[in-house]
Every structure is written in C-alpha cells, then in structure tokens.
Amino acid sequence: MTCVVLAVYLALVCLQEPGLPQAKPDDPDTSLQKLAGDYGSSDGFVRESLSVTTEGRYFSATDGCLGAMDRSAGCATVVEGRMVLTPDRLNLVRIRFYLQELATVLNYWTIEAANAGTSGERFDLSQKLREIAKELPELLAHLRSDCQPIEFVPVQWDTRVYLVRSEEGKSFCNGANLGLNPAMSFLVRADGGNQERAKGLPLVPDAWRPMLLETPIHGKIIEIMSRGQARVDLGLENGVWEGMSLESDPGGFGGSEVVEVGATSCVIRRYYRTQTAFKNGENVSSKRPGID
C-alpha cells in the first residue's frame, strides 16, 4: 500500500505546478494551423515524437533502448511566433505512464521477494522504500520541471520545419555549421522531405543569425597552450563566436569548443579529456570531416 501511495503522490506532482485546464482553446491561432503536424527526432538511442493538432492539443512521447521514458499531453499555442506546449494540469497520460512504471517495479520486487523466500534469504521491502525516499528530492525536481511549459522556435529550412527549444539556438546553429542532420537532435515535421539534404541556410531568429556561417571556415592550430587548450588562426573576422564548435581531427573525433575569441584568433578546448590532444599545425574546420 505504501508503494501505491508513493507512486500516486509522484504522479500527481504536476497538479501543484502551473498548467492549463484540459480543454481545447476557444479560438485557435491561425499560425497554429501552419505548425500543426507530426514531428520526430532520433539519435539512434532515444526517439522523441510530438503530434500537434490544429485544435490546439499535443501529445508527446519519449522512448529509449529499454522502452518508454515519458509521455505527456496538453495544450499547444503560438505566442509571438513561438510554439508553447503546456502540459495539462491533470496530465492523465503522464499519470498513467508513472503508474505503469510502478507496476513494473512492483512486479520485479514480487519476483525478487519470492526468489529470496525460496533461497531462505530475507527481502526487506522497507529498506527498498527508504532507498527510494533518499532520491525523492531530485526526482520531484525533475517531475516539476517536466510540468512546466516548453517554448519552441519554429525554424524553416528549405522544405522542412523544425521545432527548436528557445535555449538551444547555439546547439542548432553549431549542428548546421558542422553539416550534421538536425533531425538527430531536434524535432522535424514529417512532411518535409527529410531524406534529402536541405538547401541554403535555415531561417532562424535574428539573435541566432550571427552564429550561422554562409560557407565553412578553415584554419590551423598555431599554438599549444596549457590546460589542454590551443590557439587557432580564426577569429571574429572569420565569423567565429564563443561556444562555436570546431573540428580538428580528420577522423571526425576532434570536436572542440571555442572558449575565447579575438579579432583574428581564438582559443579552443576539447569537449572530453579522453579525446586526442591538439597538435601544432593541425587543420581546423567549422565543418565535420567526411560531410559533403
């Protein structure tokens, strides 16, 4: 019984958070009609899907290698050109998902308890619950964040429409400069001819525009510095910006981030310590090797 009470409490956390009633908007924005549709993204490990209706409703799902990770439903609106998804205050879809997850855990514990009884070992359910209780603060913070409205920036790129979270403009522009497929990280509408490479540049907000390159830039490492950093002969004059991704390994595993930029040069560092060290004279490019 304690497990059930705990699960229901966690599932209903969203009731304490801001949200819209579970109802259709009275007067759907005409711009919503243009953005409605089925969206999806997948990096090979996690797949996200989002369906937005012309009536102002949405349903989202996140699935990983081991199965379902999240489900949500709520209201979809367009505010000043941004798509805003607000989970229902009584989010029945998410509640059902949490209860299903609880059933899976209880079933596992039942089997574990039975096996312990057969072998003469003691299965301590109260200890299991105490272990869960220790993780409650972090779990509740995560659940509350999931109940908050999410704002997306619609980005038109050739025939495609992407939904990019407002705070992920830098990541989207980095991917575009590198030549990566945005559908691996960002939601793209299913009707955009996603099998072909998009032409031209994406139509991004003015604040993001300086982060996009008209053409790739190429340079060299001119100085090996301390703390795993290196100086490159590319700077503001070439379109470099702080936080920009640059590649320095022909094998495609030399990703680095610009941490300091001047007029004619910049300083880069690897994303991970396990990556290969920089070499003086090494070629550097804004485009990932092997991508046309």
C-alpha atoms as a PDB file:
ATOM      1  CA  MET A   1       0.000   0.000   0.000  1.00  0.00           C
ATOM      2  CA  THR A   2       2.878   2.355   0.829  1.00  0.00           C
ATOM      3  CA  CYS A   3       4.257   1.844  -2.686  1.00  0.00           C
ATOM      4  CA  VAL A   4       0.935   2.750  -4.262  1.00  0.00           C
ATOM      5  CA  VAL A   5       0.583   5.923  -2.182  1.00  0.00           C
ATOM      6  CA  LEU A   6       4.127   6.921  -3.099  1.00  0.00           C
ATOM      7  CA  ALA A   7       3.517   6.373  -6.800  1.00  0.00           C
ATOM      8  CA  VAL A   8       0.273   8.333  -6.846  1.00  0.00           C
ATOM      9  CA  TYR A   9       1.965  11.186  -4.996  1.00  0.00           C
ATOM     10  CA  LEU A  10       4.785  11.326  -7.545  1.00  0.00           C
ATOM     11  CA  ALA A  11       2.395  11.044 -10.458  1.00  0.00           C
ATOM     12  CA  LEU A  12       0.279  13.944  -9.237  1.00  0.00           C
ATOM     13  CA  VAL A  13       3.149  16.347  -8.578  1.00  0.00           C
ATOM     14  CA  CYS A  14       2.171  18.192 -11.743  1.00  0.00           C
ATOM     15  CA  LEU A  15      -1.086  19.211 -10.053  1.00  0.00           C
ATOM     16  CA  GLN A  16       0.935  21.647  -7.940  1.00  0.00           C
ATOM     17  CA  GLU A  17       2.542  23.276 -10.967  1.00  0.00           C
ATOM     18  CA  PRO A  18       1.241  25.934 -13.389  1.00  0.00           C
ATOM     19  CA  GLY A  19      -0.726  24.451 -16.238  1.00  0.00           C
ATOM     20  CA  LEU A  20      -3.754  24.845 -18.445  1.00  0.00           C
ATOM     21  CA  PRO A  21      -7.076  23.086 -17.909  1.00  0.00           C
ATOM     22  CA  GLN A  22      -7.609  20.005 -20.025  1.00  0.00           C
ATOM     23  CA  ALA A  23      -9.678  21.710 -22.706  1.00  0.00           C
ATOM     24  CA  LYS A  24      -9.388  22.918 -26.286  1.00  0.00           C
ATOM     25  CA  PRO A  25      -8.662  26.606 -26.933  1.00  0.00           C
ATOM     26  CA  ASP A  26     -11.794  28.551 -27.898  1.00  0.00           C
ATOM     27  CA  ASP A  27     -10.122  30.408 -30.738  1.00  0.00           C
ATOM     28  CA  PRO A  28      -7.062  28.579 -32.128  1.00  0.00           C
ATOM     29  CA  ASP A  29      -4.406  30.917 -33.551  1.00  0.00           C
ATOM     30  CA  THR A  30      -4.260  30.767 -37.355  1.00  0.00           C
ATOM     31  CA  SER A  31      -0.470  30.403 -37.122  1.00  0.00           C
ATOM     32  CA  LEU A  32      -1.015  27.175 -35.210  1.00  0.00           C
ATOM     33  CA  GLN A  33      -2.644  25.723 -38.313  1.00  0.00           C
ATOM     34  CA  LYS A  34       0.647  26.178 -40.163  1.00  0.00           C
ATOM     35  CA  LEU A  35       2.711  24.488 -37.464  1.00  0.00           C
ATOM     36  CA  ALA A  36       0.399  21.590 -36.620  1.00  0.00           C
ATOM     37  CA  GLY A  37       1.536  18.113 -37.621  1.00  0.00           C
ATOM     38  CA  ASP A  38       3.632  15.133 -36.574  1.00  0.00           C
ATOM     39  CA  TYR A  39       7.227  15.777 -35.515  1.00  0.00           C
ATOM     40  CA  GLY A  40      10.026  13.428 -34.557  1.00  0.00           C
ATOM     41  CA  SER A  41      13.737  13.137 -33.813  1.00  0.00           C
ATOM     42  CA  SER A  42      16.111  10.249 -33.106  1.00  0.00           C
ATOM     43  CA  ASP A  43      19.820   9.909 -32.397  1.00  0.00           C
ATOM     44  CA  GLY A  44      19.716   6.119 -32.606  1.00  0.00           C
ATOM     45  CA  PHE A  45      19.317   5.719 -28.844  1.00  0.00           C
ATOM     46  CA  VAL A  46      16.421   7.985 -27.877  1.00  0.00           C
ATOM     47  CA  ARG A  47      13.431   8.783 -30.067  1.00  0.00           C
ATOM     48  CA  GLU A  48      11.082  11.689 -29.453  1.00  0.00           C
ATOM     49  CA  SER A  49       7.730  12.159 -31.154  1.00  0.00           C
ATOM     50  CA  LEU A  50       5.290  15.055 -30.977  1.00  0.00           C
ATOM     51  CA  SER A  51       1.854  15.436 -32.524  1.00  0.00           C
ATOM     52  CA  VAL A  52       0.273  18.907 -32.598  1.00  0.00           C
ATOM     53  CA  THR A  53      -3.346  19.244 -33.725  1.00  0.00           C
ATOM     54  CA  THR A  54      -4.967  22.220 -35.422  1.00  0.00           C
ATOM     55  CA  GLU A  55      -7.364  22.376 -32.441  1.00  0.00           C
ATOM     56  CA  GLY A  56      -4.507  23.251 -30.089  1.00  0.00           C
ATOM     57  CA  ARG A  57      -3.738  19.920 -28.449  1.00  0.00           C
ATOM     58  CA  TYR A  58      -0.460  17.985 -28.327  1.00  0.00           C
ATOM     59  CA  PHE A  59       0.767  14.515 -27.388  1.00  0.00           C
ATOM     60  CA  SER A  60       4.443  13.715 -26.899  1.00  0.00           C
ATOM     61  CA  ALA A  61       6.371  10.508 -26.295  1.00  0.00           C
ATOM     62  CA  THR A  62       9.999   9.733 -25.491  1.00  0.00           C
ATOM     63  CA  ASP A  63      11.333   6.202 -25.954  1.00  0.00           C
ATOM     64  CA  GLY A  64      14.806   4.746 -25.424  1.00  0.00           C
ATOM     65  CA  CYS A  65      16.612   1.476 -25.985  1.00  0.00           C
ATOM     66  CA  LEU A  66      14.965  -0.021 -22.895  1.00  0.00           C
ATOM     67  CA  GLY A  67      11.440   1.182 -23.678  1.00  0.00           C
ATOM     68  CA  ALA A  68       9.175   4.094 -22.788  1.00  0.00           C
ATOM     69  CA  MET A  69      10.783   7.028 -20.953  1.00  0.00           C
ATOM     70  CA  ASP A  70       7.994   9.621 -20.830  1.00  0.00           C
ATOM     71  CA  ARG A  71       4.534  10.514 -22.098  1.00  0.00           C
ATOM     72  CA  SER A  72       2.745  13.865 -21.950  1.00  0.00           C
ATOM     73  CA  ALA A  73      -0.290  15.716 -23.293  1.00  0.00           C
ATOM     74  CA  GLY A  74      -1.591  19.252 -23.081  1.00  0.00           C
ATOM     75  CA  CYS A  75      -2.362  22.492 -24.904  1.00  0.00           C
ATOM     76  CA  ALA A  76      -0.399  23.888 -27.842  1.00  0.00           C
ATOM     77  CA  THR A  77      -0.462  27.615 -28.537  1.00  0.00           C
ATOM     78  CA  VAL A  78       1.542  30.059 -30.629  1.00  0.00           C
ATOM     79  CA  VAL A  79       2.710  33.172 -28.765  1.00  0.00           C
ATOM     80  CA  GLU A  80       4.644  35.823 -30.706  1.00  0.00           C
ATOM     81  CA  GLY A  81       5.695  33.249 -33.252  1.00  0.00           C
ATOM     82  CA  ARG A  82       6.833  30.681 -30.673  1.00  0.00           C
ATOM     83  CA  MET A  83       5.193  27.294 -30.152  1.00  0.00           C
ATOM     84  CA  VAL A  84       4.338  26.873 -26.462  1.00  0.00           C
ATOM     85  CA  LEU A  85       3.421  23.422 -25.135  1.00  0.00           C
ATOM     86  CA  THR A  86       1.789  23.456 -21.699  1.00  0.00           C
ATOM     87  CA  PRO A  87       1.148  20.070 -20.033  1.00  0.00           C
ATOM     88  CA  ASP A  88      -2.375  19.546 -18.717  1.00  0.00           C
ATOM     89  CA  ARG A  89      -2.678  20.323 -15.028  1.00  0.00           C
ATOM     90  CA  LEU A  90      -4.309  16.918 -14.672  1.00  0.00           C
ATOM     91  CA  ASN A  91      -1.942  15.110 -17.017  1.00  0.00           C
ATOM     92  CA  LEU A  92      -3.683  11.748 -17.272  1.00  0.00           C
ATOM     93  CA  VAL A  93      -1.261  10.490 -19.909  1.00  0.00           C
ATOM     94  CA  ARG A  94       1.767  11.069 -17.682  1.00  0.00           C
ATOM     95  CA  ILE A  95      -0.016   9.746 -14.572  1.00  0.00           C
ATOM     96  CA  ARG A  96      -0.883   6.529 -16.391  1.00  0.00           C
ATOM     97  CA  PHE A  97       2.735   6.232 -17.537  1.00  0.00           C
ATOM     98  CA  TYR A  98       4.080   6.619 -13.977  1.00  0.00           C
ATOM     99  CA  LEU A  99       1.640   4.032 -12.639  1.00  0.00           C
ATOM    100  CA  GLN A 100       2.685   1.587 -15.353  1.00  0.00           C
ATOM    101  CA  GLU A 101       6.304   2.129 -14.356  1.00  0.00           C
ATOM    102  CA  LEU A 102       5.379   1.476 -10.721  1.00  0.00           C
ATOM    103  CA  ALA A 103       3.648  -1.775 -11.703  1.00  0.00           C
ATOM    104  CA  THR A 104       6.852  -2.887 -13.423  1.00  0.00           C
ATOM    105  CA  VAL A 105       8.901  -2.171 -10.288  1.00  0.00           C
ATOM    106  CA  LEU A 106       6.402  -3.919  -8.007  1.00  0.00           C
ATOM    107  CA  ASN A 107       6.350  -6.943 -10.287  1.00  0.00           C
ATOM    108  CA  TYR A 108      10.152  -7.120 -10.154  1.00  0.00           C
ATOM    109  CA  TRP A 109      10.132  -6.805  -6.366  1.00  0.00           C
ATOM    110  CA  THR A 110       7.494  -9.547  -6.120  1.00  0.00           C
ATOM    111  CA  ILE A 111       9.685 -11.915  -8.120  1.00  0.00           C
ATOM    112  CA  GLU A 112      12.765 -10.897  -6.103  1.00  0.00           C
ATOM    113  CA  ALA A 113      10.914 -11.475  -2.825  1.00  0.00           C
ATOM    114  CA  ALA A 114       9.729 -14.899  -3.989  1.00  0.00           C
ATOM    115  CA  ASN A 115      13.249 -15.880  -5.002  1.00  0.00           C
ATOM    116  CA  ALA A 116      14.586 -14.672  -1.658  1.00  0.00           C
ATOM    117  CA  GLY A 117      11.990 -16.746   0.169  1.00  0.00           C
ATOM    118  CA  THR A 118      12.928 -19.854  -1.796  1.00  0.00           C
ATOM    119  CA  SER A 119      16.612 -19.438  -1.015  1.00  0.00           C
ATOM    120  CA  GLY A 120      15.995 -18.583   2.626  1.00  0.00           C
ATOM    121  CA  GLU A 121      17.231 -15.002   2.192  1.00  0.00           C
ATOM    122  CA  ARG A 122      15.396 -12.020   3.692  1.00  0.00           C
ATOM    123  CA  PHE A 123      13.799  -9.459   1.363  1.00  0.00           C
ATOM    124  CA  ASP A 124      13.468  -6.092   3.140  1.00  0.00           C
ATOM    125  CA  LEU A 125      10.725  -4.049   1.431  1.00  0.00           C
ATOM    126  CA  SER A 126      11.034  -1.207   3.933  1.00  0.00           C
ATOM    127  CA  GLN A 127      14.710  -0.849   3.020  1.00  0.00           C
ATOM    128  CA  LYS A 128      13.752  -0.576  -0.657  1.00  0.00           C
ATOM    129  CA  LEU A 129      11.326   2.221   0.180  1.00  0.00           C
ATOM    130  CA  ARG A 130      13.949   4.050   2.235  1.00  0.00           C
ATOM    131  CA  GLU A 131      16.298   3.913  -0.750  1.00  0.00           C
ATOM    132  CA  ILE A 132      13.609   5.490  -2.933  1.00  0.00           C
ATOM    133  CA  ALA A 133      12.915   8.164  -0.302  1.00  0.00           C
ATOM    134  CA  LYS A 134      16.553   9.319  -0.475  1.00  0.00           C
ATOM    135  CA  GLU A 135      16.107  10.056  -4.167  1.00  0.00           C
ATOM    136  CA  LEU A 136      12.777  11.877  -3.768  1.00  0.00           C
ATOM    137  CA  PRO A 137      14.094  15.491  -3.778  1.00  0.00           C
ATOM    138  CA  GLU A 138      15.918  15.019  -7.082  1.00  0.00           C
ATOM    139  CA  LEU A 139      13.009  13.070  -8.573  1.00  0.00           C
ATOM    140  CA  LEU A 140      10.451  15.696  -7.542  1.00  0.00           C
ATOM    141  CA  ALA A 141      12.560  18.473  -9.042  1.00  0.00           C
ATOM    142  CA  HIS A 142      12.697  16.526 -12.299  1.00  0.00           C
ATOM    143  CA  LEU A 143       8.950  15.908 -12.320  1.00  0.00           C
ATOM    144  CA  ARG A 144       8.193  19.571 -11.626  1.00  0.00           C
ATOM    145  CA  SER A 145      10.408  20.673 -14.498  1.00  0.00           C
ATOM    146  CA  ASP A 146       8.525  18.263 -16.765  1.00  0.00           C
ATOM    147  CA  CYS A 147       5.271  20.003 -15.809  1.00  0.00           C
ATOM    148  CA  GLN A 148       6.442  23.447 -16.932  1.00  0.00           C
ATOM    149  CA  PRO A 149       5.505  24.951 -20.331  1.00  0.00           C
ATOM    150  CA  ILE A 150       8.098  24.390 -23.063  1.00  0.00           C
ATOM    151  CA  GLU A 151       8.772  27.062 -25.681  1.00  0.00           C
ATOM    152  CA  PHE A 152       9.929  26.146 -29.176  1.00  0.00           C
ATOM    153  CA  VAL A 153      11.179  28.332 -32.006  1.00  0.00           C
ATOM    154  CA  PRO A 154       9.827  27.174 -35.400  1.00  0.00           C
ATOM    155  CA  VAL A 155      12.711  27.097 -37.905  1.00  0.00           C
ATOM    156  CA  GLN A 156      12.055  26.769 -41.632  1.00  0.00           C
ATOM    157  CA  TRP A 157      14.921  25.160 -43.556  1.00  0.00           C
ATOM    158  CA  ASP A 158      14.222  24.569 -47.224  1.00  0.00           C
ATOM    159  CA  THR A 159      11.079  22.377 -47.197  1.00  0.00           C
ATOM    160  CA  ARG A 160      11.453  21.370 -43.555  1.00  0.00           C
ATOM    161  CA  VAL A 161      10.066  22.772 -40.333  1.00  0.00           C
ATOM    162  CA  TYR A 162      11.999  22.208 -37.105  1.00  0.00           C
ATOM    163  CA  LEU A 163      10.953  22.952 -33.539  1.00  0.00           C
ATOM    164  CA  VAL A 164      13.979  24.121 -31.555  1.00  0.00           C
ATOM    165  CA  ARG A 165      13.800  24.848 -27.831  1.00  0.00           C
ATOM    166  CA  SER A 166      14.391  28.534 -27.196  1.00  0.00           C
ATOM    167  CA  GLU A 167      17.550  27.850 -25.183  1.00  0.00           C
ATOM    168  CA  GLU A 168      19.086  25.542 -27.825  1.00  0.00           C
ATOM    169  CA  GLY A 169      19.755  28.052 -30.607  1.00  0.00           C
ATOM    170  CA  LYS A 170      23.524  27.720 -30.174  1.00  0.00           C
ATOM    171  CA  SER A 171      23.348  23.936 -30.468  1.00  0.00           C
ATOM    172  CA  PHE A 172      21.145  24.102 -33.578  1.00  0.00           C
ATOM    173  CA  CYS A 173      23.463  26.560 -35.345  1.00  0.00           C
ATOM    174  CA  ASN A 174      26.525  24.503 -34.425  1.00  0.00           C
ATOM    175  CA  GLY A 175      24.916  21.432 -35.958  1.00  0.00           C
ATOM    176  CA  ALA A 176      24.043  23.331 -39.128  1.00  0.00           C
ATOM    177  CA  ASN A 177      27.608  24.645 -39.468  1.00  0.00           C
ATOM    178  CA  LEU A 178      29.082  21.173 -38.913  1.00  0.00           C
ATOM    179  CA  GLY A 179      26.794  19.713 -41.570  1.00  0.00           C
ATOM    180  CA  LEU A 180      25.015  17.357 -39.169  1.00  0.00           C
ATOM    181  CA  ASN A 181      21.462  16.118 -39.627  1.00  0.00           C
ATOM    182  CA  PRO A 182      19.346  18.253 -37.243  1.00  0.00           C
ATOM    183  CA  ALA A 183      16.702  15.506 -37.073  1.00  0.00           C
ATOM    184  CA  MET A 184      19.062  13.573 -34.781  1.00  0.00           C
ATOM    185  CA  SER A 185      18.660  16.221 -32.078  1.00  0.00           C
ATOM    186  CA  PHE A 186      15.707  18.452 -32.983  1.00  0.00           C
ATOM    187  CA  LEU A 187      12.067  17.779 -33.774  1.00  0.00           C
ATOM    188  CA  VAL A 188      11.324  17.932 -37.505  1.00  0.00           C
ATOM    189  CA  ARG A 189       7.891  17.740 -39.130  1.00  0.00           C
ATOM    190  CA  ALA A 190       7.278  14.543 -41.060  1.00  0.00           C
ATOM    191  CA  ASP A 191       6.184  16.237 -44.296  1.00  0.00           C
ATOM    192  CA  GLY A 192       9.483  17.984 -45.079  1.00  0.00           C
ATOM    193  CA  GLY A 193      11.291  15.537 -47.363  1.00  0.00           C
ATOM    194  CA  ASN A 194      13.777  14.589 -44.668  1.00  0.00           C
ATOM    195  CA  GLN A 195      15.710  12.098 -46.797  1.00  0.00           C
ATOM    196  CA  GLU A 196      17.369  14.834 -48.854  1.00  0.00           C
ATOM    197  CA  ARG A 197      19.890  17.380 -47.605  1.00  0.00           C
ATOM    198  CA  ALA A 198      18.310  20.778 -47.011  1.00  0.00           C
ATOM    199  CA  LYS A 199      19.458  23.585 -49.295  1.00  0.00           C
ATOM    200  CA  GLY A 200      20.610  27.039 -48.233  1.00  0.00           C
ATOM    201  CA  LEU A 201      20.550  28.244 -44.653  1.00  0.00           C
ATOM    202  CA  PRO A 202      17.804  27.805 -42.040  1.00  0.00           C
ATOM    203  CA  LEU A 203      15.583  30.814 -41.318  1.00  0.00           C
ATOM    204  CA  VAL A 204      16.473  31.467 -37.682  1.00  0.00           C
ATOM    205  CA  PRO A 205      15.643  34.370 -35.331  1.00  0.00           C
ATOM    206  CA  ASP A 206      17.787  37.496 -35.714  1.00  0.00           C
ATOM    207  CA  ALA A 207      19.581  36.741 -32.440  1.00  0.00           C
ATOM    208  CA  TRP A 208      20.812  33.415 -33.842  1.00  0.00           C
ATOM    209  CA  ARG A 209      21.747  34.651 -37.313  1.00  0.00           C
ATOM    210  CA  PRO A 210      25.371  35.680 -36.457  1.00  0.00           C
ATOM    211  CA  MET A 211      26.062  32.070 -35.395  1.00  0.00           C
ATOM    212  CA  LEU A 212      25.375  30.665 -38.892  1.00  0.00           C
ATOM    213  CA  LEU A 213      28.139  30.540 -41.496  1.00  0.00           C
ATOM    214  CA  GLU A 214      27.440  31.188 -45.177  1.00  0.00           C
ATOM    215  CA  THR A 215      30.358  28.879 -46.056  1.00  0.00           C
ATOM    216  CA  PRO A 216      32.664  26.683 -43.923  1.00  0.00           C
ATOM    217  CA  ILE A 217      35.799  28.264 -42.478  1.00  0.00           C
ATOM    218  CA  HIS A 218      39.208  26.567 -42.288  1.00  0.00           C
ATOM    219  CA  GLY A 219      42.323  27.359 -40.273  1.00  0.00           C
ATOM    220  CA  LYS A 220      45.242  25.859 -38.320  1.00  0.00           C
ATOM    221  CA  ILE A 221      46.357  25.460 -34.737  1.00  0.00           C
ATOM    222  CA  ILE A 222      49.146  27.983 -34.208  1.00  0.00           C
ATOM    223  CA  GLU A 223      49.882  27.479 -30.506  1.00  0.00           C
ATOM    224  CA  ILE A 224      49.547  24.668 -27.974  1.00  0.00           C
ATOM    225  CA  MET A 225      48.515  26.135 -24.632  1.00  0.00           C
ATOM    226  CA  SER A 226      48.175  24.897 -21.042  1.00  0.00           C
ATOM    227  CA  ARG A 227      45.101  23.133 -19.631  1.00  0.00           C
ATOM    228  CA  GLY A 228      44.527  21.245 -22.880  1.00  0.00           C
ATOM    229  CA  GLN A 229      43.798  24.369 -24.911  1.00  0.00           C
ATOM    230  CA  ALA A 230      45.098  25.581 -28.263  1.00  0.00           C
ATOM    231  CA  ARG A 231      45.063  28.785 -30.301  1.00  0.00           C
ATOM    232  CA  VAL A 232      43.676  28.817 -33.847  1.00  0.00           C
ATOM    233  CA  ASP A 233      44.218  31.434 -36.575  1.00  0.00           C
ATOM    234  CA  LEU A 234      40.478  32.094 -36.902  1.00  0.00           C
ATOM    235  CA  GLY A 235      38.627  34.899 -35.132  1.00  0.00           C
ATOM    236  CA  LEU A 236      35.725  37.312 -35.183  1.00  0.00           C
ATOM    237  CA  GLU A 237      36.695  38.432 -38.678  1.00  0.00           C
ATOM    238  CA  ASN A 238      36.040  34.865 -39.878  1.00  0.00           C
ATOM    239  CA  GLY A 239      32.684  34.518 -38.104  1.00  0.00           C
ATOM    240  CA  VAL A 240      33.951  32.674 -35.019  1.00  0.00           C
ATOM    241  CA  TRP A 241      31.940  33.081 -31.797  1.00  0.00           C
ATOM    242  CA  GLU A 242      32.336  31.892 -28.217  1.00  0.00           C
ATOM    243  CA  GLY A 243      30.761  28.457 -27.836  1.00  0.00           C
ATOM    244  CA  MET A 244      31.235  27.592 -31.520  1.00  0.00           C
ATOM    245  CA  SER A 245      32.187  24.009 -32.428  1.00  0.00           C
ATOM    246  CA  LEU A 246      35.335  23.458 -34.497  1.00  0.00           C
ATOM    247  CA  GLU A 247      36.760  20.163 -35.778  1.00  0.00           C
ATOM    248  CA  SER A 248      40.477  19.353 -35.778  1.00  0.00           C
ATOM    249  CA  ASP A 249      40.634  15.605 -36.447  1.00  0.00           C
ATOM    250  CA  PRO A 250      40.226  14.100 -39.963  1.00  0.00           C
ATOM    251  CA  GLY A 251      38.621  11.048 -38.346  1.00  0.00           C
ATOM    252  CA  GLY A 252      35.715  13.119 -37.086  1.00  0.00           C
ATOM    253  CA  PHE A 253      36.507  12.671 -33.381  1.00  0.00           C
ATOM    254  CA  GLY A 254      38.228  16.013 -32.832  1.00  0.00           C
ATOM    255  CA  GLY A 255      35.318  18.155 -31.759  1.00  0.00           C
ATOM    256  CA  SER A 256      36.297  21.225 -29.759  1.00  0.00           C
ATOM    257  CA  GLU A 257      34.646  24.345 -28.361  1.00  0.00           C
ATOM    258  CA  VAL A 258      35.723  27.958 -28.740  1.00  0.00           C
ATOM    259  CA  VAL A 259      36.238  29.343 -25.227  1.00  0.00           C
ATOM    260  CA  GLU A 260      37.829  32.682 -26.134  1.00  0.00           C
ATOM    261  CA  VAL A 261      37.746  34.704 -29.345  1.00  0.00           C
ATOM    262  CA  GLY A 262      39.571  37.766 -30.631  1.00  0.00           C
ATOM    263  CA  ALA A 263      39.616  39.626 -33.928  1.00  0.00           C
ATOM    264  CA  THR A 264      41.997  37.242 -35.736  1.00  0.00           C
ATOM    265  CA  SER A 265      42.374  34.199 -33.470  1.00  0.00           C
ATOM    266  CA  CYS A 266      40.505  32.063 -30.951  1.00  0.00           C
ATOM    267  CA  VAL A 267      41.199  29.554 -28.185  1.00  0.00           C
ATOM    268  CA  ILE A 268      39.669  26.076 -28.316  1.00  0.00           C
ATOM    269  CA  ARG A 269      39.460  23.128 -25.943  1.00  0.00           C
ATOM    270  CA  ARG A 270      38.289  19.538 -26.290  1.00  0.00           C
ATOM    271  CA  TYR A 271      34.831  18.556 -25.064  1.00  0.00           C
ATOM    272  CA  TYR A 272      36.214  15.481 -23.261  1.00  0.00           C
ATOM    273  CA  ARG A 273      39.560  14.605 -21.687  1.00  0.00           C
ATOM    274  CA  THR A 274      39.558  11.256 -23.491  1.00  0.00           C
ATOM    275  CA  GLN A 275      39.840  12.956 -26.899  1.00  0.00           C
ATOM    276  CA  THR A 276      43.197  13.130 -28.688  1.00  0.00           C
ATOM    277  CA  ALA A 277      45.496  16.023 -27.795  1.00  0.00           C
ATOM    278  CA  PHE A 278      45.890  19.026 -30.094  1.00  0.00           C
ATOM    279  CA  LYS A 279      48.885  19.183 -32.429  1.00  0.00           C
ATOM    280  CA  ASN A 280      50.618  22.317 -33.605  1.00  0.00           C
ATOM    281  CA  GLY A 281      49.835  22.988 -37.273  1.00  0.00           C
ATOM    282  CA  GLU A 282      46.761  20.740 -37.180  1.00  0.00           C
ATOM    283  CA  ASN A 283      43.966  21.727 -39.584  1.00  0.00           C
ATOM    284  CA  VAL A 284      40.778  23.106 -38.060  1.00  0.00           C
ATOM    285  CA  SER A 285      37.383  23.469 -39.750  1.00  0.00           C
ATOM    286  CA  SER A 286      33.837  24.509 -38.911  1.00  0.00           C
ATOM    287  CA  LYS A 287      32.581  21.507 -40.899  1.00  0.00           C
ATOM    288  CA  ARG A 288      32.903  17.892 -39.792  1.00  0.00           C
ATOM    289  CA  PRO A 289      35.246  15.802 -41.975  1.00  0.00           C
ATOM    290  CA  GLY A 290      33.558  13.455 -44.432  1.00  0.00           C
ATOM    291  CA  ILE A 291      30.364  15.511 -44.771  1.00  0.00           C
ATOM    292  CA  ASP A 292      29.689  16.957 -48.220  1.00  0.00           C
END
